[in-house]
Amino acid sequence: MYNRDRRAQRLMSFEEQRVHLPEWARRGRGVWRWTGSERPPFAETPGPGQVSVWDFPRPPRIEREARQIVIRVGGTVISDTTAAFRVLETASPPTFYVPPSDVRMELLRPAPGESRCEWKGTAQYWSVRTQEGERVDKAAWSYPEPFPGFAELRDHLAFYPDRVDCVLDDEKVRAQAGGFYAGWITSDVVGPFKGDPGSGAW
């Protein structure tokens, strides 16, 4: 389980930053019941080699990800990297952020709209258009100006596994339910996961 001393230090850091955040972000950071300090009674028990998403912290934690990530649209490889970050947050499968240097950015175009995360800031969206004529609208998002504590994610891209093909170390990724979140479900994580029906307060 997430080290509680480290978590307390990180929480203090985030609390100190609250005065510099917009009101919507300050409100959003205060609504969560589950923060990774304990599992709810409905949490699945992880087996050998597995972890529970209910042990992930809130505020989220950023980790380096050395496993190979391959992202494709049809027969076109959009990214192939071993230099991504993953973000771990209570109740959600990990979200993976790929450095733009390992993305074929010439195939991406800015997409209209934006969304907000109380931890990471305001996201912009990207669509993919391959040279073979395939198009995927809002296939990915990024944070051009992330909040303090998440600067490592600046301009990195996170891809929706229900819109493009995502592979993590030869395992095809399953999509998180709900259409809004884009965690990557693989065999080494157990839930239940945020996005399922009735999970709005998780």
N, C-alpha and C. Protein backbone atom coordinates (compact mmCIF):
# COMPACT_ATOMS: atom_id res chain seq x y z
N MET A 1 0.85 -1.18 0.00
CA MET A 1 0.00 0.00 0.00
C MET A 1 0.89 1.24 0.00
N TYR A 2 0.38 2.34 -0.53
CA TYR A 2 1.13 3.59 -0.64
C TYR A 2 1.64 4.01 0.73
N ASN A 3 2.93 4.36 0.81
CA ASN A 3 3.55 4.75 2.07
C ASN A 3 2.84 5.97 2.65
N ARG A 4 2.34 5.84 3.90
CA ARG A 4 1.49 6.90 4.46
C ARG A 4 2.28 8.15 4.81
N ASP A 5 3.56 8.00 5.22
CA ASP A 5 4.36 9.19 5.50
C ASP A 5 4.60 10.00 4.24
N ARG A 6 4.94 9.31 3.16
CA ARG A 6 5.15 10.00 1.89
C ARG A 6 3.85 10.64 1.43
N ARG A 7 2.75 9.92 1.63
CA ARG A 7 1.45 10.46 1.22
C ARG A 7 1.12 11.73 2.01
N ALA A 8 1.41 11.73 3.31
CA ALA A 8 1.14 12.91 4.14
C ALA A 8 1.96 14.10 3.67
N GLN A 9 3.23 13.86 3.32
CA GLN A 9 4.07 14.94 2.82
C GLN A 9 3.53 15.49 1.51
N ARG A 10 3.10 14.57 0.64
CA ARG A 10 2.57 15.00 -0.66
C ARG A 10 1.27 15.78 -0.49
N LEU A 11 0.41 15.33 0.43
CA LEU A 11 -0.82 16.05 0.69
C LEU A 11 -0.54 17.46 1.19
N MET A 12 0.46 17.61 2.06
CA MET A 12 0.81 18.93 2.57
C MET A 12 1.26 19.83 1.42
N SER A 13 2.07 19.27 0.52
CA SER A 13 2.53 20.04 -0.63
C SER A 13 1.35 20.50 -1.47
N PHE A 14 0.38 19.60 -1.71
CA PHE A 14 -0.78 19.97 -2.52
C PHE A 14 -1.65 20.98 -1.79
N GLU A 15 -1.75 20.87 -0.47
CA GLU A 15 -2.53 21.84 0.29
C GLU A 15 -1.90 23.23 0.19
N GLU A 16 -0.56 23.29 0.21
CA GLU A 16 0.13 24.57 0.09
C GLU A 16 -0.11 25.21 -1.28
N GLN A 17 -0.33 24.37 -2.29
CA GLN A 17 -0.55 24.89 -3.63
C GLN A 17 -1.98 25.37 -3.86
N ARG A 18 -2.91 24.98 -2.99
CA ARG A 18 -4.32 25.27 -3.22
C ARG A 18 -4.60 26.76 -3.38
N VAL A 19 -3.83 27.59 -2.67
CA VAL A 19 -4.09 29.04 -2.74
C VAL A 19 -3.82 29.60 -4.12
N HIS A 20 -3.06 28.90 -4.94
CA HIS A 20 -2.72 29.37 -6.28
C HIS A 20 -3.60 28.75 -7.35
N LEU A 21 -4.58 27.95 -6.97
CA LEU A 21 -5.41 27.24 -7.93
C LEU A 21 -6.72 27.97 -8.17
N PRO A 22 -7.32 27.79 -9.36
CA PRO A 22 -8.66 28.34 -9.58
C PRO A 22 -9.68 27.66 -8.66
N GLU A 23 -10.79 28.33 -8.44
CA GLU A 23 -11.80 27.84 -7.50
C GLU A 23 -12.31 26.45 -7.89
N TRP A 24 -12.51 26.18 -9.18
CA TRP A 24 -13.04 24.88 -9.59
C TRP A 24 -12.09 23.75 -9.20
N ALA A 25 -10.78 24.01 -9.25
CA ALA A 25 -9.81 22.98 -8.87
C ALA A 25 -9.79 22.78 -7.36
N ARG A 26 -9.87 23.86 -6.60
CA ARG A 26 -9.91 23.74 -5.14
C ARG A 26 -11.13 22.95 -4.69
N ARG A 27 -12.28 23.23 -5.30
CA ARG A 27 -13.49 22.48 -4.94
C ARG A 27 -13.34 21.01 -5.30
N GLY A 28 -12.81 20.75 -6.50
CA GLY A 28 -12.70 19.37 -6.96
C GLY A 28 -11.80 18.52 -6.10
N ARG A 29 -10.77 19.12 -5.53
CA ARG A 29 -9.84 18.35 -4.70
C ARG A 29 -10.43 17.95 -3.35
N GLY A 30 -11.56 18.55 -2.98
CA GLY A 30 -12.12 18.26 -1.68
C GLY A 30 -13.30 17.30 -1.66
N VAL A 31 -13.65 16.73 -2.83
CA VAL A 31 -14.90 15.95 -2.88
C VAL A 31 -14.70 14.44 -2.73
N TRP A 32 -13.47 13.97 -2.70
CA TRP A 32 -13.24 12.53 -2.80
C TRP A 32 -13.27 11.86 -1.43
N ARG A 33 -14.00 10.75 -1.37
CA ARG A 33 -14.06 9.96 -0.12
C ARG A 33 -12.88 9.01 -0.01
N TRP A 34 -12.52 8.37 -1.12
CA TRP A 34 -11.47 7.35 -1.10
C TRP A 34 -10.17 7.96 -1.58
N THR A 35 -9.10 7.74 -0.81
CA THR A 35 -7.82 8.38 -1.10
C THR A 35 -6.65 7.40 -1.11
N GLY A 36 -6.92 6.10 -1.14
CA GLY A 36 -5.85 5.11 -1.19
C GLY A 36 -5.34 4.66 0.15
N SER A 37 -5.85 5.24 1.24
CA SER A 37 -5.38 4.86 2.57
C SER A 37 -6.02 3.57 3.05
N GLU A 38 -7.17 3.19 2.47
CA GLU A 38 -7.82 1.93 2.78
C GLU A 38 -8.68 1.51 1.60
N ARG A 39 -8.90 0.21 1.50
CA ARG A 39 -9.76 -0.30 0.43
C ARG A 39 -11.20 -0.35 0.91
N PRO A 40 -12.15 0.00 0.04
CA PRO A 40 -13.56 -0.16 0.41
C PRO A 40 -13.94 -1.63 0.45
N PRO A 41 -15.03 -1.98 1.11
CA PRO A 41 -15.40 -3.40 1.23
C PRO A 41 -15.70 -4.07 -0.09
N PHE A 42 -16.04 -3.29 -1.12
CA PHE A 42 -16.38 -3.89 -2.41
C PHE A 42 -15.16 -4.05 -3.33
N ALA A 43 -13.97 -3.67 -2.87
CA ALA A 43 -12.78 -3.79 -3.70
C ALA A 43 -12.41 -5.26 -3.94
N GLU A 44 -11.97 -5.56 -5.14
CA GLU A 44 -11.50 -6.91 -5.45
C GLU A 44 -10.15 -7.15 -4.79
N THR A 45 -9.89 -8.39 -4.45
CA THR A 45 -8.61 -8.76 -3.84
C THR A 45 -7.62 -9.10 -4.94
N PRO A 46 -6.48 -8.42 -4.98
CA PRO A 46 -5.50 -8.74 -6.03
C PRO A 46 -4.87 -10.11 -5.84
N GLY A 47 -4.60 -10.77 -6.95
CA GLY A 47 -3.90 -12.03 -6.91
C GLY A 47 -2.40 -11.84 -7.08
N PRO A 48 -1.66 -12.93 -7.22
CA PRO A 48 -0.21 -12.83 -7.42
C PRO A 48 0.13 -11.98 -8.64
N GLY A 49 1.03 -11.04 -8.47
CA GLY A 49 1.44 -10.19 -9.57
C GLY A 49 0.46 -9.08 -9.92
N GLN A 50 -0.58 -8.92 -9.11
CA GLN A 50 -1.58 -7.89 -9.37
C GLN A 50 -1.55 -6.81 -8.29
N VAL A 51 -2.11 -5.64 -8.62
CA VAL A 51 -2.29 -4.56 -7.65
C VAL A 51 -3.73 -4.09 -7.72
N SER A 52 -4.20 -3.56 -6.60
CA SER A 52 -5.54 -2.99 -6.54
C SER A 52 -5.48 -1.50 -6.82
N VAL A 53 -6.40 -1.02 -7.66
CA VAL A 53 -6.45 0.42 -7.91
C VAL A 53 -6.88 1.19 -6.66
N TRP A 54 -7.40 0.48 -5.68
CA TRP A 54 -7.81 1.12 -4.43
C TRP A 54 -6.63 1.37 -3.50
N ASP A 55 -5.45 0.88 -3.87
CA ASP A 55 -4.21 1.20 -3.15
C ASP A 55 -3.49 2.38 -3.80
N PHE A 56 -3.94 2.83 -4.95
CA PHE A 56 -3.34 4.00 -5.59
C PHE A 56 -3.73 5.25 -4.79
N PRO A 57 -2.88 6.27 -4.79
CA PRO A 57 -3.13 7.44 -3.93
C PRO A 57 -4.01 8.49 -4.60
N ARG A 58 -4.53 9.35 -3.79
CA ARG A 58 -5.15 10.59 -4.22
C ARG A 58 -4.72 11.66 -3.23
N PRO A 59 -3.96 12.69 -3.60
CA PRO A 59 -3.59 13.11 -4.96
C PRO A 59 -2.84 12.03 -5.73
N PRO A 60 -2.96 12.08 -7.07
CA PRO A 60 -2.32 11.06 -7.89
C PRO A 60 -0.80 11.10 -7.80
N ARG A 61 -0.20 9.97 -8.15
CA ARG A 61 1.26 9.84 -8.18
C ARG A 61 1.71 9.60 -9.62
N ILE A 62 2.84 10.23 -10.00
CA ILE A 62 3.45 10.03 -11.31
C ILE A 62 4.63 9.08 -11.17
N GLU A 63 4.71 8.10 -12.07
CA GLU A 63 5.83 7.16 -12.08
C GLU A 63 6.39 7.04 -13.49
N ARG A 64 7.67 6.77 -13.59
CA ARG A 64 8.26 6.40 -14.87
C ARG A 64 7.74 5.03 -15.29
N GLU A 65 7.55 4.84 -16.58
CA GLU A 65 7.07 3.57 -17.11
C GLU A 65 8.06 3.06 -18.15
N ALA A 66 8.76 1.95 -17.81
CA ALA A 66 9.81 1.43 -18.69
C ALA A 66 9.29 0.37 -19.66
N ARG A 67 8.06 -0.12 -19.44
CA ARG A 67 7.53 -1.12 -20.37
C ARG A 67 7.25 -0.50 -21.74
N GLN A 68 7.28 -1.35 -22.76
CA GLN A 68 7.07 -0.84 -24.11
C GLN A 68 5.60 -0.54 -24.35
N ILE A 69 5.35 0.64 -24.89
CA ILE A 69 4.01 1.06 -25.28
C ILE A 69 3.99 1.25 -26.79
N VAL A 70 3.01 0.63 -27.44
CA VAL A 70 2.82 0.80 -28.88
C VAL A 70 1.38 1.23 -29.11
N ILE A 71 1.21 2.30 -29.87
CA ILE A 71 -0.12 2.84 -30.17
C ILE A 71 -0.28 2.87 -31.68
N ARG A 72 -1.39 2.29 -32.16
CA ARG A 72 -1.64 2.19 -33.60
C ARG A 72 -3.02 2.69 -33.95
N VAL A 73 -3.13 3.20 -35.16
CA VAL A 73 -4.42 3.44 -35.80
C VAL A 73 -4.40 2.65 -37.09
N GLY A 74 -5.21 1.61 -37.18
CA GLY A 74 -5.13 0.71 -38.32
C GLY A 74 -3.75 0.10 -38.38
N GLY A 75 -3.09 0.21 -39.52
CA GLY A 75 -1.75 -0.33 -39.66
C GLY A 75 -0.65 0.68 -39.38
N THR A 76 -1.00 1.86 -38.91
CA THR A 76 -0.02 2.92 -38.70
C THR A 76 0.37 3.01 -37.23
N VAL A 77 1.66 2.93 -36.96
CA VAL A 77 2.15 3.10 -35.60
C VAL A 77 2.24 4.60 -35.31
N ILE A 78 1.51 5.04 -34.29
CA ILE A 78 1.52 6.44 -33.89
C ILE A 78 2.63 6.70 -32.87
N SER A 79 2.89 5.71 -32.02
CA SER A 79 3.94 5.86 -31.01
C SER A 79 4.48 4.50 -30.63
N ASP A 80 5.78 4.44 -30.38
CA ASP A 80 6.46 3.25 -29.88
C ASP A 80 7.51 3.76 -28.89
N THR A 81 7.30 3.51 -27.59
CA THR A 81 8.16 4.15 -26.60
C THR A 81 8.37 3.28 -25.38
N THR A 82 9.48 3.49 -24.71
CA THR A 82 9.73 2.94 -23.38
C THR A 82 10.06 4.08 -22.42
N ALA A 83 9.58 5.29 -22.72
CA ALA A 83 9.91 6.48 -21.93
C ALA A 83 8.67 7.23 -21.47
N ALA A 84 7.58 6.50 -21.23
CA ALA A 84 6.34 7.15 -20.82
C ALA A 84 6.30 7.38 -19.31
N PHE A 85 5.32 8.14 -18.88
CA PHE A 85 4.93 8.23 -17.48
C PHE A 85 3.60 7.52 -17.31
N ARG A 86 3.36 7.02 -16.10
CA ARG A 86 2.01 6.57 -15.78
C ARG A 86 1.55 7.33 -14.54
N VAL A 87 0.25 7.63 -14.52
CA VAL A 87 -0.35 8.34 -13.40
C VAL A 87 -1.28 7.38 -12.68
N LEU A 88 -1.08 7.25 -11.36
CA LEU A 88 -1.86 6.35 -10.53
C LEU A 88 -2.77 7.18 -9.63
N GLU A 89 -4.07 6.91 -9.70
CA GLU A 89 -5.05 7.62 -8.87
C GLU A 89 -6.09 6.64 -8.36
N THR A 90 -6.48 6.82 -7.10
CA THR A 90 -7.43 5.93 -6.45
C THR A 90 -8.62 5.62 -7.35
N ALA A 91 -8.92 4.34 -7.48
CA ALA A 91 -10.11 3.81 -8.16
C ALA A 91 -10.00 3.75 -9.67
N SER A 92 -8.93 4.27 -10.26
CA SER A 92 -8.80 4.26 -11.72
C SER A 92 -7.61 3.43 -12.16
N PRO A 93 -7.75 2.69 -13.26
CA PRO A 93 -6.56 2.05 -13.83
C PRO A 93 -5.57 3.10 -14.27
N PRO A 94 -4.29 2.76 -14.37
CA PRO A 94 -3.28 3.77 -14.71
C PRO A 94 -3.56 4.46 -16.04
N THR A 95 -3.19 5.73 -16.11
CA THR A 95 -3.21 6.49 -17.35
C THR A 95 -1.78 6.71 -17.79
N PHE A 96 -1.50 6.48 -19.07
CA PHE A 96 -0.13 6.54 -19.58
C PHE A 96 0.05 7.77 -20.45
N TYR A 97 1.16 8.48 -20.22
CA TYR A 97 1.47 9.71 -20.94
C TYR A 97 2.77 9.52 -21.71
N VAL A 98 2.68 9.69 -23.03
CA VAL A 98 3.79 9.41 -23.94
C VAL A 98 4.50 10.72 -24.29
N PRO A 99 5.83 10.77 -24.25
CA PRO A 99 6.53 12.00 -24.62
C PRO A 99 6.29 12.35 -26.09
N PRO A 100 6.10 13.64 -26.40
CA PRO A 100 5.84 14.01 -27.80
C PRO A 100 6.97 13.63 -28.74
N SER A 101 8.19 13.51 -28.22
CA SER A 101 9.31 13.11 -29.07
C SER A 101 9.16 11.68 -29.58
N ASP A 102 8.32 10.88 -28.92
CA ASP A 102 8.08 9.50 -29.35
C ASP A 102 6.71 9.32 -29.99
N VAL A 103 6.10 10.41 -30.42
CA VAL A 103 4.81 10.39 -31.10
C VAL A 103 4.99 10.99 -32.49
N ARG A 104 4.35 10.41 -33.47
CA ARG A 104 4.40 10.97 -34.82
C ARG A 104 3.46 12.18 -34.86
N MET A 105 3.94 13.30 -34.38
CA MET A 105 3.12 14.49 -34.23
C MET A 105 2.62 15.04 -35.57
N GLU A 106 3.30 14.68 -36.66
CA GLU A 106 2.82 15.14 -37.96
C GLU A 106 1.47 14.53 -38.33
N LEU A 107 1.08 13.46 -37.63
CA LEU A 107 -0.21 12.81 -37.88
C LEU A 107 -1.31 13.32 -36.94
N LEU A 108 -0.96 14.20 -36.00
CA LEU A 108 -1.93 14.71 -35.03
C LEU A 108 -2.32 16.14 -35.36
N ARG A 109 -3.56 16.48 -35.07
CA ARG A 109 -4.08 17.83 -35.24
C ARG A 109 -4.82 18.24 -33.99
N PRO A 110 -4.71 19.50 -33.55
CA PRO A 110 -5.51 19.94 -32.40
C PRO A 110 -7.00 19.75 -32.66
N ALA A 111 -7.72 19.30 -31.66
CA ALA A 111 -9.15 19.08 -31.77
C ALA A 111 -9.88 20.10 -30.90
N PRO A 112 -11.11 20.46 -31.26
CA PRO A 112 -11.84 21.45 -30.47
C PRO A 112 -12.24 20.91 -29.10
N GLY A 113 -12.45 21.83 -28.16
CA GLY A 113 -12.89 21.45 -26.82
C GLY A 113 -11.74 21.32 -25.86
N GLU A 114 -12.10 21.27 -24.58
CA GLU A 114 -11.13 21.07 -23.52
C GLU A 114 -11.84 20.43 -22.34
N SER A 115 -11.06 19.91 -21.40
CA SER A 115 -11.62 19.36 -20.16
C SER A 115 -10.70 19.75 -19.01
N ARG A 116 -11.22 19.59 -17.81
CA ARG A 116 -10.48 20.01 -16.63
C ARG A 116 -10.25 18.85 -15.68
N CYS A 117 -9.08 18.80 -15.10
CA CYS A 117 -8.76 17.89 -14.02
C CYS A 117 -8.31 18.73 -12.84
N GLU A 118 -8.90 18.47 -11.68
CA GLU A 118 -8.58 19.29 -10.51
C GLU A 118 -7.13 19.13 -10.07
N TRP A 119 -6.47 18.04 -10.50
CA TRP A 119 -5.08 17.81 -10.12
C TRP A 119 -4.11 18.31 -11.19
N LYS A 120 -4.43 18.05 -12.46
CA LYS A 120 -3.46 18.29 -13.52
C LYS A 120 -3.69 19.58 -14.30
N GLY A 121 -4.92 20.10 -14.31
CA GLY A 121 -5.18 21.35 -15.00
C GLY A 121 -6.14 21.19 -16.17
N THR A 122 -5.98 22.04 -17.19
CA THR A 122 -6.87 22.05 -18.35
C THR A 122 -6.20 21.32 -19.50
N ALA A 123 -6.95 20.36 -20.06
CA ALA A 123 -6.42 19.51 -21.14
C ALA A 123 -6.88 20.00 -22.50
N GLN A 124 -6.03 19.84 -23.49
CA GLN A 124 -6.42 20.04 -24.87
C GLN A 124 -6.46 18.69 -25.57
N TYR A 125 -7.24 18.58 -26.65
CA TYR A 125 -7.44 17.32 -27.34
C TYR A 125 -6.73 17.29 -28.69
N TRP A 126 -6.49 16.05 -29.14
CA TRP A 126 -5.81 15.81 -30.41
C TRP A 126 -6.54 14.74 -31.21
N SER A 127 -6.65 14.97 -32.50
CA SER A 127 -7.19 13.97 -33.42
C SER A 127 -6.05 13.42 -34.26
N VAL A 128 -6.25 12.20 -34.77
CA VAL A 128 -5.24 11.53 -35.60
C VAL A 128 -5.75 11.40 -37.03
N ARG A 129 -4.89 11.73 -37.97
CA ARG A 129 -5.19 11.52 -39.38
C ARG A 129 -3.98 10.83 -40.01
N THR A 130 -4.14 9.58 -40.42
CA THR A 130 -3.02 8.84 -40.98
C THR A 130 -2.87 9.14 -42.47
N GLN A 131 -1.72 8.78 -43.00
CA GLN A 131 -1.47 8.98 -44.43
C GLN A 131 -2.34 8.06 -45.28
N GLU A 132 -2.89 7.02 -44.66
CA GLU A 132 -3.79 6.11 -45.38
C GLU A 132 -5.23 6.61 -45.36
N GLY A 133 -5.46 7.76 -44.74
CA GLY A 133 -6.78 8.36 -44.74
C GLY A 133 -7.66 8.02 -43.55
N GLU A 134 -7.12 7.27 -42.60
CA GLU A 134 -7.90 6.97 -41.40
C GLU A 134 -7.89 8.16 -40.46
N ARG A 135 -9.04 8.38 -39.81
CA ARG A 135 -9.17 9.54 -38.93
C ARG A 135 -9.83 9.11 -37.63
N VAL A 136 -9.26 9.56 -36.53
CA VAL A 136 -9.84 9.31 -35.21
C VAL A 136 -9.93 10.65 -34.49
N ASP A 137 -11.16 11.10 -34.24
CA ASP A 137 -11.35 12.38 -33.56
C ASP A 137 -11.12 12.22 -32.06
N LYS A 138 -10.48 13.23 -31.47
CA LYS A 138 -10.19 13.25 -30.04
C LYS A 138 -9.61 11.91 -29.57
N ALA A 139 -8.54 11.51 -30.21
CA ALA A 139 -7.88 10.25 -29.88
C ALA A 139 -6.98 10.37 -28.65
N ALA A 140 -6.58 11.61 -28.30
CA ALA A 140 -5.62 11.81 -27.22
C ALA A 140 -5.82 13.19 -26.61
N TRP A 141 -5.17 13.42 -25.47
CA TRP A 141 -5.18 14.74 -24.86
C TRP A 141 -3.82 15.00 -24.23
N SER A 142 -3.59 16.27 -23.90
CA SER A 142 -2.34 16.65 -23.24
C SER A 142 -2.60 17.87 -22.37
N TYR A 143 -1.62 18.17 -21.50
CA TYR A 143 -1.69 19.33 -20.62
C TYR A 143 -0.57 20.30 -20.98
N PRO A 144 -0.88 21.37 -21.73
CA PRO A 144 0.18 22.32 -22.10
C PRO A 144 0.70 23.13 -20.92
N GLU A 145 -0.14 23.36 -19.92
CA GLU A 145 0.26 24.12 -18.73
C GLU A 145 -0.25 23.40 -17.48
N PRO A 146 0.36 22.28 -17.12
CA PRO A 146 -0.14 21.51 -15.96
C PRO A 146 0.05 22.27 -14.66
N PHE A 147 -0.79 21.93 -13.67
CA PHE A 147 -0.68 22.53 -12.35
C PHE A 147 0.64 22.13 -11.69
N PRO A 148 1.08 22.89 -10.68
CA PRO A 148 2.26 22.50 -9.91
C PRO A 148 2.11 21.09 -9.35
N GLY A 149 3.20 20.33 -9.40
CA GLY A 149 3.17 18.94 -8.98
C GLY A 149 3.05 17.98 -10.14
N PHE A 150 2.66 18.50 -11.33
CA PHE A 150 2.48 17.64 -12.50
C PHE A 150 3.22 18.17 -13.72
N ALA A 151 4.25 18.97 -13.48
CA ALA A 151 5.00 19.58 -14.58
C ALA A 151 5.64 18.54 -15.50
N GLU A 152 5.93 17.35 -14.96
CA GLU A 152 6.55 16.30 -15.79
C GLU A 152 5.66 15.89 -16.96
N LEU A 153 4.36 16.10 -16.83
CA LEU A 153 3.42 15.68 -17.88
C LEU A 153 3.26 16.70 -18.99
N ARG A 154 3.91 17.85 -18.87
CA ARG A 154 3.72 18.92 -19.86
C ARG A 154 3.90 18.40 -21.29
N ASP A 155 2.87 18.60 -22.11
CA ASP A 155 2.87 18.26 -23.55
C ASP A 155 2.94 16.76 -23.84
N HIS A 156 3.00 15.90 -22.81
CA HIS A 156 2.91 14.46 -23.06
C HIS A 156 1.48 14.11 -23.47
N LEU A 157 1.34 13.06 -24.24
CA LEU A 157 0.03 12.70 -24.77
C LEU A 157 -0.49 11.40 -24.16
N ALA A 158 -1.75 11.43 -23.76
CA ALA A 158 -2.44 10.23 -23.27
C ALA A 158 -3.50 9.84 -24.29
N PHE A 159 -3.53 8.56 -24.66
CA PHE A 159 -4.41 8.08 -25.72
C PHE A 159 -5.56 7.25 -25.15
N TYR A 160 -6.74 7.41 -25.76
CA TYR A 160 -7.92 6.64 -25.37
C TYR A 160 -7.84 5.23 -25.96
N PRO A 161 -7.80 4.19 -25.13
CA PRO A 161 -7.70 2.83 -25.68
C PRO A 161 -8.98 2.31 -26.32
N ASP A 162 -10.10 3.05 -26.19
CA ASP A 162 -11.30 2.65 -26.91
C ASP A 162 -11.39 3.32 -28.28
N ARG A 163 -10.41 4.17 -28.60
CA ARG A 163 -10.43 4.88 -29.88
C ARG A 163 -9.25 4.52 -30.77
N VAL A 164 -8.13 4.13 -30.16
CA VAL A 164 -6.96 3.66 -30.89
C VAL A 164 -6.50 2.36 -30.24
N ASP A 165 -5.68 1.60 -30.93
CA ASP A 165 -5.16 0.34 -30.39
C ASP A 165 -3.93 0.63 -29.53
N CYS A 166 -4.00 0.23 -28.26
CA CYS A 166 -2.91 0.45 -27.32
C CYS A 166 -2.41 -0.89 -26.81
N VAL A 167 -1.10 -1.08 -26.82
CA VAL A 167 -0.48 -2.32 -26.38
C VAL A 167 0.58 -1.97 -25.34
N LEU A 168 0.56 -2.68 -24.21
CA LEU A 168 1.53 -2.50 -23.15
C LEU A 168 2.28 -3.81 -22.95
N ASP A 169 3.56 -3.82 -23.34
CA ASP A 169 4.38 -5.04 -23.24
C ASP A 169 3.66 -6.24 -23.83
N ASP A 170 3.19 -6.10 -25.06
CA ASP A 170 2.54 -7.17 -25.84
C ASP A 170 1.13 -7.52 -25.35
N GLU A 171 0.61 -6.83 -24.34
CA GLU A 171 -0.76 -7.08 -23.90
C GLU A 171 -1.67 -5.97 -24.43
N LYS A 172 -2.71 -6.36 -25.16
CA LYS A 172 -3.66 -5.37 -25.66
C LYS A 172 -4.45 -4.78 -24.50
N VAL A 173 -4.52 -3.47 -24.46
CA VAL A 173 -5.15 -2.76 -23.36
C VAL A 173 -6.66 -2.77 -23.53
N ARG A 174 -7.38 -2.95 -22.40
CA ARG A 174 -8.83 -2.80 -22.38
C ARG A 174 -9.18 -1.41 -21.89
N ALA A 175 -10.28 -0.86 -22.39
CA ALA A 175 -10.66 0.51 -22.08
C ALA A 175 -11.44 0.59 -20.77
N GLN A 176 -11.21 1.67 -20.05
CA GLN A 176 -12.00 1.99 -18.87
C GLN A 176 -13.41 2.39 -19.32
N ALA A 177 -14.41 1.99 -18.57
CA ALA A 177 -15.79 2.26 -18.94
C ALA A 177 -16.12 3.74 -18.80
N GLY A 178 -17.18 4.14 -19.46
CA GLY A 178 -17.74 5.47 -19.24
C GLY A 178 -17.44 6.50 -20.31
N GLY A 179 -16.40 6.29 -21.12
CA GLY A 179 -16.14 7.19 -22.23
C GLY A 179 -15.34 8.44 -21.89
N PHE A 180 -15.35 8.89 -20.61
CA PHE A 180 -14.63 10.11 -20.25
C PHE A 180 -13.22 9.80 -19.77
N TYR A 181 -13.10 8.86 -18.84
CA TYR A 181 -11.79 8.46 -18.33
C TYR A 181 -11.11 7.56 -19.35
N ALA A 182 -9.81 7.49 -19.28
CA ALA A 182 -9.07 6.71 -20.28
C ALA A 182 -7.95 5.92 -19.65
N GLY A 183 -8.22 5.33 -18.49
CA GLY A 183 -7.25 4.43 -17.89
C GLY A 183 -7.06 3.18 -18.74
N TRP A 184 -5.90 2.57 -18.57
CA TRP A 184 -5.57 1.36 -19.33
C TRP A 184 -5.73 0.15 -18.42
N ILE A 185 -6.67 -0.71 -18.74
CA ILE A 185 -6.91 -1.91 -17.94
C ILE A 185 -6.09 -3.05 -18.53
N THR A 186 -5.22 -3.62 -17.71
CA THR A 186 -4.41 -4.77 -18.09
C THR A 186 -4.54 -5.83 -17.00
N SER A 187 -3.94 -6.98 -17.23
CA SER A 187 -4.15 -8.12 -16.34
C SER A 187 -3.52 -7.93 -14.96
N ASP A 188 -2.69 -6.92 -14.78
CA ASP A 188 -2.01 -6.74 -13.50
C ASP A 188 -2.72 -5.77 -12.56
N VAL A 189 -3.90 -5.25 -12.94
CA VAL A 189 -4.66 -4.37 -12.06
C VAL A 189 -6.07 -4.91 -11.87
N VAL A 190 -6.60 -4.74 -10.63
CA VAL A 190 -7.96 -5.16 -10.34
C VAL A 190 -8.74 -3.98 -9.76
N GLY A 191 -10.06 -4.02 -9.92
CA GLY A 191 -10.94 -2.92 -9.55
C GLY A 191 -11.85 -3.25 -8.38
N PRO A 192 -13.11 -2.86 -8.50
CA PRO A 192 -13.74 -2.23 -9.66
C PRO A 192 -13.18 -0.86 -9.95
N PHE A 193 -13.43 -0.40 -11.20
CA PHE A 193 -12.80 0.81 -11.70
C PHE A 193 -13.80 1.96 -11.80
N LYS A 194 -13.31 3.16 -11.52
CA LYS A 194 -14.13 4.35 -11.73
C LYS A 194 -14.56 4.40 -13.20
N GLY A 195 -15.80 4.82 -13.42
CA GLY A 195 -16.37 4.81 -14.77
C GLY A 195 -17.49 3.80 -14.89
N ASP A 196 -17.45 2.75 -14.06
CA ASP A 196 -18.55 1.78 -14.02
C ASP A 196 -19.81 2.46 -13.51
N PRO A 197 -21.00 1.93 -13.83
CA PRO A 197 -22.24 2.51 -13.31
C PRO A 197 -22.21 2.65 -11.79
N GLY A 198 -22.63 3.81 -11.28
CA GLY A 198 -22.68 4.05 -9.85
C GLY A 198 -21.39 4.47 -9.22
N SER A 199 -20.36 4.75 -10.03
CA SER A 199 -19.02 5.03 -9.48
C SER A 199 -18.71 6.52 -9.41
N GLY A 200 -19.69 7.38 -9.61
CA GLY A 200 -19.43 8.81 -9.68
C GLY A 200 -18.75 9.41 -8.46
N ALA A 201 -19.02 8.86 -7.28
CA ALA A 201 -18.44 9.42 -6.04
C ALA A 201 -17.13 8.76 -5.66
N TRP A 202 -16.61 7.87 -6.46
CA TRP A 202 -15.37 7.17 -6.11
C TRP A 202 -14.16 8.08 -6.27
